[in-house]
Amino acid sequence: GGCNRLNLRDHAEELPLEPYLAEL
């Protein structure tokens, strides 16, 4: 259930590469 709770793309202009996003 938790895996789908957040939508990071609300704040990105493109589909982010999430492992790199999390490292940033």
mmCIF file of all heavy atoms, coordinates in Angstrom:
data_MODEL
# 
_entry.id   MODEL 
# 
loop_
_atom_site.group_PDB 
_atom_site.id 
_atom_site.type_symbol 
_atom_site.label_atom_id 
_atom_site.label_alt_id 
_atom_site.label_comp_id 
_atom_site.label_asym_id 
_atom_site.label_entity_id 
_atom_site.label_seq_id 
_atom_site.pdbx_PDB_ins_code 
_atom_site.Cartn_x 
_atom_site.Cartn_y 
_atom_site.Cartn_z 
_atom_site.occupancy 
_atom_site.B_iso_or_equiv 
_atom_site.pdbx_formal_charge 
_atom_site.auth_seq_id 
_atom_site.auth_comp_id 
_atom_site.auth_asym_id 
_atom_site.auth_atom_id 
_atom_site.pdbx_PDB_model_num 
ATOM 1   N N   . GLY A 1 1  ? 0.813  -1.216 0.000   1.00 0.00 ? 1  GLY A N   1 
ATOM 2   C CA  . GLY A 1 1  ? 0.000  0.000  0.000   1.00 0.00 ? 1  GLY A CA  1 
ATOM 3   C C   . GLY A 1 1  ? 0.837  1.251  0.000   1.00 0.00 ? 1  GLY A C   1 
ATOM 4   O O   . GLY A 1 1  ? 0.532  2.229  -0.682  1.00 0.00 ? 1  GLY A O   1 
ATOM 5   N N   . GLY A 1 2  ? 1.947  1.219  0.768   1.00 0.00 ? 2  GLY A N   1 
ATOM 6   C CA  . GLY A 1 2  ? 2.771  2.410  0.874   1.00 0.00 ? 2  GLY A CA  1 
ATOM 7   C C   . GLY A 1 2  ? 3.538  2.746  -0.375  1.00 0.00 ? 2  GLY A C   1 
ATOM 8   O O   . GLY A 1 2  ? 3.856  3.897  -0.630  1.00 0.00 ? 2  GLY A O   1 
ATOM 9   N N   . CYS A 1 3  ? 3.843  1.739  -1.188  1.00 0.00 ? 3  CYS A N   1 
ATOM 10  C CA  . CYS A 1 3  ? 4.676  1.991  -2.357  1.00 0.00 ? 3  CYS A CA  1 
ATOM 11  C C   . CYS A 1 3  ? 4.018  2.951  -3.334  1.00 0.00 ? 3  CYS A C   1 
ATOM 12  O O   . CYS A 1 3  ? 4.704  3.617  -4.100  1.00 0.00 ? 3  CYS A O   1 
ATOM 13  C CB  . CYS A 1 3  ? 4.986  0.675  -3.071  1.00 0.00 ? 3  CYS A CB  1 
ATOM 14  S SG  . CYS A 1 3  ? 6.153  -0.366 -2.172  1.00 0.00 ? 3  CYS A SG  1 
ATOM 15  N N   . ASN A 1 4  ? 2.698  3.013  -3.334  1.00 0.00 ? 4  ASN A N   1 
ATOM 16  C CA  . ASN A 1 4  ? 2.002  3.863  -4.295  1.00 0.00 ? 4  ASN A CA  1 
ATOM 17  C C   . ASN A 1 4  ? 1.489  5.153  -3.681  1.00 0.00 ? 4  ASN A C   1 
ATOM 18  O O   . ASN A 1 4  ? 0.774  5.903  -4.331  1.00 0.00 ? 4  ASN A O   1 
ATOM 19  C CB  . ASN A 1 4  ? 0.816  3.090  -4.894  1.00 0.00 ? 4  ASN A CB  1 
ATOM 20  C CG  . ASN A 1 4  ? 1.284  1.906  -5.699  1.00 0.00 ? 4  ASN A CG  1 
ATOM 21  O OD1 . ASN A 1 4  ? 2.254  1.999  -6.428  1.00 0.00 ? 4  ASN A OD1 1 
ATOM 22  N ND2 . ASN A 1 4  ? 0.597  0.785  -5.542  1.00 0.00 ? 4  ASN A ND2 1 
ATOM 23  N N   . ARG A 1 5  ? 1.860  5.413  -2.419  1.00 0.00 ? 5  ARG A N   1 
ATOM 24  C CA  . ARG A 1 5  ? 1.256  6.561  -1.749  1.00 0.00 ? 5  ARG A CA  1 
ATOM 25  C C   . ARG A 1 5  ? 1.799  7.879  -2.250  1.00 0.00 ? 5  ARG A C   1 
ATOM 26  O O   . ARG A 1 5  ? 1.103  8.890  -2.245  1.00 0.00 ? 5  ARG A O   1 
ATOM 27  C CB  . ARG A 1 5  ? 1.517  6.458  -0.243  1.00 0.00 ? 5  ARG A CB  1 
ATOM 28  C CG  . ARG A 1 5  ? 0.436  7.099  0.580   1.00 0.00 ? 5  ARG A CG  1 
ATOM 29  C CD  . ARG A 1 5  ? 0.864  7.308  2.005   1.00 0.00 ? 5  ARG A CD  1 
ATOM 30  N NE  . ARG A 1 5  ? 1.780  8.421  2.094   1.00 0.00 ? 5  ARG A NE  1 
ATOM 31  C CZ  . ARG A 1 5  ? 2.276  8.877  3.223   1.00 0.00 ? 5  ARG A CZ  1 
ATOM 32  N NH1 . ARG A 1 5  ? 1.950  8.295  4.339   1.00 0.00 ? 5  ARG A NH1 1 
ATOM 33  N NH2 . ARG A 1 5  ? 3.092  9.899  3.259   1.00 0.00 ? 5  ARG A NH2 1 
ATOM 34  N N   . LEU A 1 6  ? 3.052  7.906  -2.673  1.00 0.00 ? 6  LEU A N   1 
ATOM 35  C CA  . LEU A 1 6  ? 3.680  9.153  -3.061  1.00 0.00 ? 6  LEU A CA  1 
ATOM 36  C C   . LEU A 1 6  ? 3.849  9.232  -4.566  1.00 0.00 ? 6  LEU A C   1 
ATOM 37  O O   . LEU A 1 6  ? 4.113  8.243  -5.220  1.00 0.00 ? 6  LEU A O   1 
ATOM 38  C CB  . LEU A 1 6  ? 5.058  9.283  -2.396  1.00 0.00 ? 6  LEU A CB  1 
ATOM 39  C CG  . LEU A 1 6  ? 5.031  9.267  -0.879  1.00 0.00 ? 6  LEU A CG  1 
ATOM 40  C CD1 . LEU A 1 6  ? 6.444  9.262  -0.349  1.00 0.00 ? 6  LEU A CD1 1 
ATOM 41  C CD2 . LEU A 1 6  ? 4.279  10.452 -0.343  1.00 0.00 ? 6  LEU A CD2 1 
ATOM 42  N N   . ASN A 1 7  ? 3.686  10.397 -5.087  1.00 0.00 ? 7  ASN A N   1 
ATOM 43  C CA  . ASN A 1 7  ? 3.890  10.623 -6.504  1.00 0.00 ? 7  ASN A CA  1 
ATOM 44  C C   . ASN A 1 7  ? 4.941  11.706 -6.680  1.00 0.00 ? 7  ASN A C   1 
ATOM 45  O O   . ASN A 1 7  ? 4.642  12.892 -6.635  1.00 0.00 ? 7  ASN A O   1 
ATOM 46  C CB  . ASN A 1 7  ? 2.567  11.032 -7.177  1.00 0.00 ? 7  ASN A CB  1 
ATOM 47  C CG  . ASN A 1 7  ? 2.739  11.215 -8.670  1.00 0.00 ? 7  ASN A CG  1 
ATOM 48  O OD1 . ASN A 1 7  ? 3.803  10.939 -9.217  1.00 0.00 ? 7  ASN A OD1 1 
ATOM 49  N ND2 . ASN A 1 7  ? 1.702  11.677 -9.323  1.00 0.00 ? 7  ASN A ND2 1 
ATOM 50  N N   . LEU A 1 8  ? 6.177  11.293 -6.877  1.00 0.00 ? 8  LEU A N   1 
ATOM 51  C CA  . LEU A 1 8  ? 7.271  12.254 -6.993  1.00 0.00 ? 8  LEU A CA  1 
ATOM 52  C C   . LEU A 1 8  ? 7.158  13.090 -8.256  1.00 0.00 ? 8  LEU A C   1 
ATOM 53  O O   . LEU A 1 8  ? 7.732  14.162 -8.350  1.00 0.00 ? 8  LEU A O   1 
ATOM 54  C CB  . LEU A 1 8  ? 8.614  11.515 -6.994  1.00 0.00 ? 8  LEU A CB  1 
ATOM 55  C CG  . LEU A 1 8  ? 8.902  10.670 -5.762  1.00 0.00 ? 8  LEU A CG  1 
ATOM 56  C CD1 . LEU A 1 8  ? 10.257 10.008 -5.899  1.00 0.00 ? 8  LEU A CD1 1 
ATOM 57  C CD2 . LEU A 1 8  ? 8.861  11.514 -4.513  1.00 0.00 ? 8  LEU A CD2 1 
ATOM 58  N N   . ARG A 1 9  ? 6.425  12.605 -9.208  1.00 0.00 ? 9  ARG A N   1 
ATOM 59  C CA  . ARG A 1 9  ? 6.373  13.302 -10.489 1.00 0.00 ? 9  ARG A CA  1 
ATOM 60  C C   . ARG A 1 9  ? 5.561  14.592 -10.424 1.00 0.00 ? 9  ARG A C   1 
ATOM 61  O O   . ARG A 1 9  ? 5.553  15.378 -11.356 1.00 0.00 ? 9  ARG A O   1 
ATOM 62  C CB  . ARG A 1 9  ? 5.830  12.364 -11.562 1.00 0.00 ? 9  ARG A CB  1 
ATOM 63  C CG  . ARG A 1 9  ? 6.686  11.105 -11.698 1.00 0.00 ? 9  ARG A CG  1 
ATOM 64  C CD  . ARG A 1 9  ? 6.216  10.164 -12.791 1.00 0.00 ? 9  ARG A CD  1 
ATOM 65  N NE  . ARG A 1 9  ? 7.056  8.977  -12.792 1.00 0.00 ? 9  ARG A NE  1 
ATOM 66  C CZ  . ARG A 1 9  ? 6.728  7.839  -12.194 1.00 0.00 ? 9  ARG A CZ  1 
ATOM 67  N NH1 . ARG A 1 9  ? 5.593  7.730  -11.555 1.00 0.00 ? 9  ARG A NH1 1 
ATOM 68  N NH2 . ARG A 1 9  ? 7.538  6.805  -12.219 1.00 0.00 ? 9  ARG A NH2 1 
ATOM 69  N N   . ASP A 1 10 ? 4.872  14.817 -9.313  1.00 0.00 ? 10 ASP A N   1 
ATOM 70  C CA  . ASP A 1 10 ? 4.138  16.068 -9.155  1.00 0.00 ? 10 ASP A CA  1 
ATOM 71  C C   . ASP A 1 10 ? 5.080  17.271 -9.193  1.00 0.00 ? 10 ASP A C   1 
ATOM 72  O O   . ASP A 1 10 ? 4.670  18.374 -9.522  1.00 0.00 ? 10 ASP A O   1 
ATOM 73  C CB  . ASP A 1 10 ? 3.385  16.097 -7.807  1.00 0.00 ? 10 ASP A CB  1 
ATOM 74  C CG  . ASP A 1 10 ? 2.203  15.144 -7.818  1.00 0.00 ? 10 ASP A CG  1 
ATOM 75  O OD1 . ASP A 1 10 ? 1.880  14.610 -8.895  1.00 0.00 ? 10 ASP A OD1 1 
ATOM 76  O OD2 . ASP A 1 10 ? 1.619  14.946 -6.741  1.00 0.00 ? 10 ASP A OD2 1 
ATOM 77  N N   . HIS A 1 11 ? 6.348  17.066 -8.815  1.00 0.00 ? 11 HIS A N   1 
ATOM 78  C CA  . HIS A 1 11 ? 7.287  18.174 -8.730  1.00 0.00 ? 11 HIS A CA  1 
ATOM 79  C C   . HIS A 1 11 ? 8.386  18.091 -9.787  1.00 0.00 ? 11 HIS A C   1 
ATOM 80  O O   . HIS A 1 11 ? 9.375  18.791 -9.699  1.00 0.00 ? 11 HIS A O   1 
ATOM 81  C CB  . HIS A 1 11 ? 7.939  18.215 -7.342  1.00 0.00 ? 11 HIS A CB  1 
ATOM 82  C CG  . HIS A 1 11 ? 6.976  18.660 -6.281  1.00 0.00 ? 11 HIS A CG  1 
ATOM 83  N ND1 . HIS A 1 11 ? 6.503  19.943 -6.179  1.00 0.00 ? 11 HIS A ND1 1 
ATOM 84  C CD2 . HIS A 1 11 ? 6.384  17.968 -5.283  1.00 0.00 ? 11 HIS A CD2 1 
ATOM 85  C CE1 . HIS A 1 11 ? 5.680  20.033 -5.153  1.00 0.00 ? 11 HIS A CE1 1 
ATOM 86  N NE2 . HIS A 1 11 ? 5.590  18.852 -4.590  1.00 0.00 ? 11 HIS A NE2 1 
ATOM 87  N N   . ALA A 1 12 ? 8.237  17.240 -10.772 1.00 0.00 ? 12 ALA A N   1 
ATOM 88  C CA  . ALA A 1 12 ? 9.272  17.094 -11.788 1.00 0.00 ? 12 ALA A CA  1 
ATOM 89  C C   . ALA A 1 12 ? 8.697  17.387 -13.171 1.00 0.00 ? 12 ALA A C   1 
ATOM 90  O O   . ALA A 1 12 ? 7.539  17.109 -13.450 1.00 0.00 ? 12 ALA A O   1 
ATOM 91  C CB  . ALA A 1 12 ? 9.833  15.678 -11.753 1.00 0.00 ? 12 ALA A CB  1 
ATOM 92  N N   . GLU A 1 13 ? 9.520  17.960 -14.014 1.00 0.00 ? 13 GLU A N   1 
ATOM 93  C CA  . GLU A 1 13 ? 9.087  18.287 -15.361 1.00 0.00 ? 13 GLU A CA  1 
ATOM 94  C C   . GLU A 1 13 ? 9.165  17.082 -16.276 1.00 0.00 ? 13 GLU A C   1 
ATOM 95  O O   . GLU A 1 13 ? 8.690  17.112 -17.410 1.00 0.00 ? 13 GLU A O   1 
ATOM 96  C CB  . GLU A 1 13 ? 9.962  19.420 -15.915 1.00 0.00 ? 13 GLU A CB  1 
ATOM 97  C CG  . GLU A 1 13 ? 9.874  20.701 -15.084 1.00 0.00 ? 13 GLU A CG  1 
ATOM 98  C CD  . GLU A 1 13 ? 10.907 21.720 -15.510 1.00 0.00 ? 13 GLU A CD  1 
ATOM 99  O OE1 . GLU A 1 13 ? 11.691 21.415 -16.421 1.00 0.00 ? 13 GLU A OE1 1 
ATOM 100 O OE2 . GLU A 1 13 ? 10.903 22.822 -14.934 1.00 0.00 ? 13 GLU A OE2 1 
ATOM 101 N N   . GLU A 1 14 ? 9.792  16.019 -15.810 1.00 0.00 ? 14 GLU A N   1 
ATOM 102 C CA  . GLU A 1 14 ? 9.986  14.834 -16.622 1.00 0.00 ? 14 GLU A CA  1 
ATOM 103 C C   . GLU A 1 14 ? 9.919  13.625 -15.718 1.00 0.00 ? 14 GLU A C   1 
ATOM 104 O O   . GLU A 1 14 ? 9.850  13.744 -14.501 1.00 0.00 ? 14 GLU A O   1 
ATOM 105 C CB  . GLU A 1 14 ? 11.356 14.897 -17.293 1.00 0.00 ? 14 GLU A CB  1 
ATOM 106 C CG  . GLU A 1 14 ? 12.465 15.000 -16.262 1.00 0.00 ? 14 GLU A CG  1 
ATOM 107 C CD  . GLU A 1 14 ? 13.822 15.221 -16.883 1.00 0.00 ? 14 GLU A CD  1 
ATOM 108 O OE1 . GLU A 1 14 ? 13.888 15.784 -17.978 1.00 0.00 ? 14 GLU A OE1 1 
ATOM 109 O OE2 . GLU A 1 14 ? 14.804 14.799 -16.269 1.00 0.00 ? 14 GLU A OE2 1 
ATOM 110 N N   . LEU A 1 15 ? 9.947  12.443 -16.287 1.00 0.00 ? 15 LEU A N   1 
ATOM 111 C CA  . LEU A 1 15 ? 9.993  11.216 -15.507 1.00 0.00 ? 15 LEU A CA  1 
ATOM 112 C C   . LEU A 1 15 ? 11.381 11.079 -14.899 1.00 0.00 ? 15 LEU A C   1 
ATOM 113 O O   . LEU A 1 15 ? 12.359 10.873 -15.610 1.00 0.00 ? 15 LEU A O   1 
ATOM 114 C CB  . LEU A 1 15 ? 9.692  10.010 -16.407 1.00 0.00 ? 15 LEU A CB  1 
ATOM 115 C CG  . LEU A 1 15 ? 9.702  8.646  -15.724 1.00 0.00 ? 15 LEU A CG  1 
ATOM 116 C CD1 . LEU A 1 15 ? 8.580  8.568  -14.696 1.00 0.00 ? 15 LEU A CD1 1 
ATOM 117 C CD2 . LEU A 1 15 ? 9.572  7.540  -16.748 1.00 0.00 ? 15 LEU A CD2 1 
ATOM 118 N N   . PRO A 1 16 ? 11.538 11.260 -13.583 1.00 0.00 ? 16 PRO A N   1 
ATOM 119 C CA  . PRO A 1 16 ? 12.878 11.224 -12.992 1.00 0.00 ? 16 PRO A CA  1 
ATOM 120 C C   . PRO A 1 16 ? 13.419 9.803  -12.913 1.00 0.00 ? 16 PRO A C   1 
ATOM 121 O O   . PRO A 1 16 ? 12.663 8.843  -12.814 1.00 0.00 ? 16 PRO A O   1 
ATOM 122 C CB  . PRO A 1 16 ? 12.662 11.811 -11.598 1.00 0.00 ? 16 PRO A CB  1 
ATOM 123 C CG  . PRO A 1 16 ? 11.242 11.474 -11.277 1.00 0.00 ? 16 PRO A CG  1 
ATOM 124 C CD  . PRO A 1 16 ? 10.495 11.520 -12.591 1.00 0.00 ? 16 PRO A CD  1 
ATOM 125 N N   . LEU A 1 17 ? 14.715 9.673  -12.954 1.00 0.00 ? 17 LEU A N   1 
ATOM 126 C CA  . LEU A 1 17 ? 15.364 8.397  -12.730 1.00 0.00 ? 17 LEU A CA  1 
ATOM 127 C C   . LEU A 1 17 ? 15.492 8.243  -11.216 1.00 0.00 ? 17 LEU A C   1 
ATOM 128 O O   . LEU A 1 17 ? 16.393 8.794  -10.595 1.00 0.00 ? 17 LEU A O   1 
ATOM 129 C CB  . LEU A 1 17 ? 16.731 8.375  -13.416 1.00 0.00 ? 17 LEU A CB  1 
ATOM 130 C CG  . LEU A 1 17 ? 16.689 8.641  -14.933 1.00 0.00 ? 17 LEU A CG  1 
ATOM 131 C CD1 . LEU A 1 17 ? 18.105 8.688  -15.499 1.00 0.00 ? 17 LEU A CD1 1 
ATOM 132 C CD2 . LEU A 1 17 ? 15.870 7.586  -15.643 1.00 0.00 ? 17 LEU A CD2 1 
ATOM 133 N N   . GLU A 1 18 ? 14.567 7.511  -10.603 1.00 0.00 ? 18 GLU A N   1 
ATOM 134 C CA  . GLU A 1 18 ? 14.379 7.592  -9.159  1.00 0.00 ? 18 GLU A CA  1 
ATOM 135 C C   . GLU A 1 18 ? 15.598 7.190  -8.317  1.00 0.00 ? 18 GLU A C   1 
ATOM 136 O O   . GLU A 1 18 ? 15.847 7.811  -7.292  1.00 0.00 ? 18 GLU A O   1 
ATOM 137 C CB  . GLU A 1 18 ? 13.125 6.827  -8.754  1.00 0.00 ? 18 GLU A CB  1 
ATOM 138 C CG  . GLU A 1 18 ? 11.869 7.512  -9.267  1.00 0.00 ? 18 GLU A CG  1 
ATOM 139 C CD  . GLU A 1 18 ? 10.599 6.975  -8.654  1.00 0.00 ? 18 GLU A CD  1 
ATOM 140 O OE1 . GLU A 1 18 ? 10.692 6.134  -7.737  1.00 0.00 ? 18 GLU A OE1 1 
ATOM 141 O OE2 . GLU A 1 18 ? 9.532  7.395  -9.087  1.00 0.00 ? 18 GLU A OE2 1 
ATOM 142 N N   . PRO A 1 19 ? 16.392 6.182  -8.692  1.00 0.00 ? 19 PRO A N   1 
ATOM 143 C CA  . PRO A 1 19 ? 17.585 5.922  -7.868  1.00 0.00 ? 19 PRO A CA  1 
ATOM 144 C C   . PRO A 1 19 ? 18.527 7.123  -7.835  1.00 0.00 ? 19 PRO A C   1 
ATOM 145 O O   . PRO A 1 19 ? 19.101 7.445  -6.790  1.00 0.00 ? 19 PRO A O   1 
ATOM 146 C CB  . PRO A 1 19 ? 18.231 4.719  -8.559  1.00 0.00 ? 19 PRO A CB  1 
ATOM 147 C CG  . PRO A 1 19 ? 17.113 4.050  -9.281  1.00 0.00 ? 19 PRO A CG  1 
ATOM 148 C CD  . PRO A 1 19 ? 16.221 5.169  -9.743  1.00 0.00 ? 19 PRO A CD  1 
ATOM 149 N N   . TYR A 1 20 ? 18.679 7.802  -8.965  1.00 0.00 ? 20 TYR A N   1 
ATOM 150 C CA  . TYR A 1 20 ? 19.513 8.990  -8.998  1.00 0.00 ? 20 TYR A CA  1 
ATOM 151 C C   . TYR A 1 20 ? 18.842 10.135 -8.249  1.00 0.00 ? 20 TYR A C   1 
ATOM 152 O O   . TYR A 1 20 ? 19.510 10.943 -7.603  1.00 0.00 ? 20 TYR A O   1 
ATOM 153 C CB  . TYR A 1 20 ? 19.794 9.406  -10.445 1.00 0.00 ? 20 TYR A CB  1 
ATOM 154 C CG  . TYR A 1 20 ? 20.569 8.375  -11.228 1.00 0.00 ? 20 TYR A CG  1 
ATOM 155 C CD1 . TYR A 1 20 ? 19.964 7.639  -12.222 1.00 0.00 ? 20 TYR A CD1 1 
ATOM 156 C CD2 . TYR A 1 20 ? 21.912 8.147  -10.949 1.00 0.00 ? 20 TYR A CD2 1 
ATOM 157 C CE1 . TYR A 1 20 ? 20.685 6.681  -12.939 1.00 0.00 ? 20 TYR A CE1 1 
ATOM 158 C CE2 . TYR A 1 20 ? 22.646 7.198  -11.658 1.00 0.00 ? 20 TYR A CE2 1 
ATOM 159 C CZ  . TYR A 1 20 ? 22.016 6.464  -12.653 1.00 0.00 ? 20 TYR A CZ  1 
ATOM 160 O OH  . TYR A 1 20 ? 22.729 5.528  -13.348 1.00 0.00 ? 20 TYR A OH  1 
ATOM 161 N N   . LEU A 1 21 ? 17.525 10.196 -8.329  1.00 0.00 ? 21 LEU A N   1 
ATOM 162 C CA  . LEU A 1 21 ? 16.786 11.232 -7.616  1.00 0.00 ? 21 LEU A CA  1 
ATOM 163 C C   . LEU A 1 21 ? 16.975 11.076 -6.111  1.00 0.00 ? 21 LEU A C   1 
ATOM 164 O O   . LEU A 1 21 ? 17.228 12.047 -5.392  1.00 0.00 ? 21 LEU A O   1 
ATOM 165 C CB  . LEU A 1 21 ? 15.299 11.141 -7.973  1.00 0.00 ? 21 LEU A CB  1 
ATOM 166 C CG  . LEU A 1 21 ? 14.395 12.238 -7.435  1.00 0.00 ? 21 LEU A CG  1 
ATOM 167 C CD1 . LEU A 1 21 ? 14.669 13.560 -8.121  1.00 0.00 ? 21 LEU A CD1 1 
ATOM 168 C CD2 . LEU A 1 21 ? 12.925 11.852 -7.606  1.00 0.00 ? 21 LEU A CD2 1 
ATOM 169 N N   . ALA A 1 22 ? 16.881 9.847  -5.623  1.00 0.00 ? 22 ALA A N   1 
ATOM 170 C CA  . ALA A 1 22 ? 17.037 9.598  -4.193  1.00 0.00 ? 22 ALA A CA  1 
ATOM 171 C C   . ALA A 1 22 ? 18.467 9.856  -3.733  1.00 0.00 ? 22 ALA A C   1 
ATOM 172 O O   . ALA A 1 22 ? 18.694 10.322 -2.614  1.00 0.00 ? 22 ALA A O   1 
ATOM 173 C CB  . ALA A 1 22 ? 16.630 8.166  -3.864  1.00 0.00 ? 22 ALA A CB  1 
ATOM 174 N N   . GLU A 1 23 ? 19.449 9.569  -4.575  1.00 0.00 ? 23 GLU A N   1 
ATOM 175 C CA  . GLU A 1 23 ? 20.835 9.844  -4.203  1.00 0.00 ? 23 GLU A CA  1 
ATOM 176 C C   . GLU A 1 23 ? 21.077 11.348 -4.098  1.00 0.00 ? 23 GLU A C   1 
ATOM 177 O O   . GLU A 1 23 ? 21.746 11.822 -3.169  1.00 0.00 ? 23 GLU A O   1 
ATOM 178 C CB  . GLU A 1 23 ? 21.796 9.231  -5.226  1.00 0.00 ? 23 GLU A CB  1 
ATOM 179 C CG  . GLU A 1 23 ? 23.264 9.436  -4.909  1.00 0.00 ? 23 GLU A CG  1 
ATOM 180 C CD  . GLU A 1 23 ? 23.709 8.809  -3.579  1.00 0.00 ? 23 GLU A CD  1 
ATOM 181 O OE1 . GLU A 1 23 ? 22.990 7.958  -3.027  1.00 0.00 ? 23 GLU A OE1 1 
ATOM 182 O OE2 . GLU A 1 23 ? 24.785 9.199  -3.098  1.00 0.00 ? 23 GLU A OE2 1 
ATOM 183 N N   . LEU A 1 24 ? 20.506 12.120 -5.014  1.00 0.00 ? 24 LEU A N   1 
ATOM 184 C CA  . LEU A 1 24 ? 20.546 13.574 -4.882  1.00 0.00 ? 24 LEU A CA  1 
ATOM 185 C C   . LEU A 1 24 ? 19.869 13.991 -3.588  1.00 0.00 ? 24 LEU A C   1 
ATOM 186 O O   . LEU A 1 24 ? 20.386 14.833 -2.828  1.00 0.00 ? 24 LEU A O   1 
ATOM 187 C CB  . LEU A 1 24 ? 19.860 14.226 -6.080  1.00 0.00 ? 24 LEU A CB  1 
ATOM 188 C CG  . LEU A 1 24 ? 19.589 15.731 -5.976  1.00 0.00 ? 24 LEU A CG  1 
ATOM 189 C CD1 . LEU A 1 24 ? 20.884 16.525 -5.823  1.00 0.00 ? 24 LEU A CD1 1 
ATOM 190 C CD2 . LEU A 1 24 ? 18.793 16.214 -7.199  1.00 0.00 ? 24 LEU A CD2 1 
# 
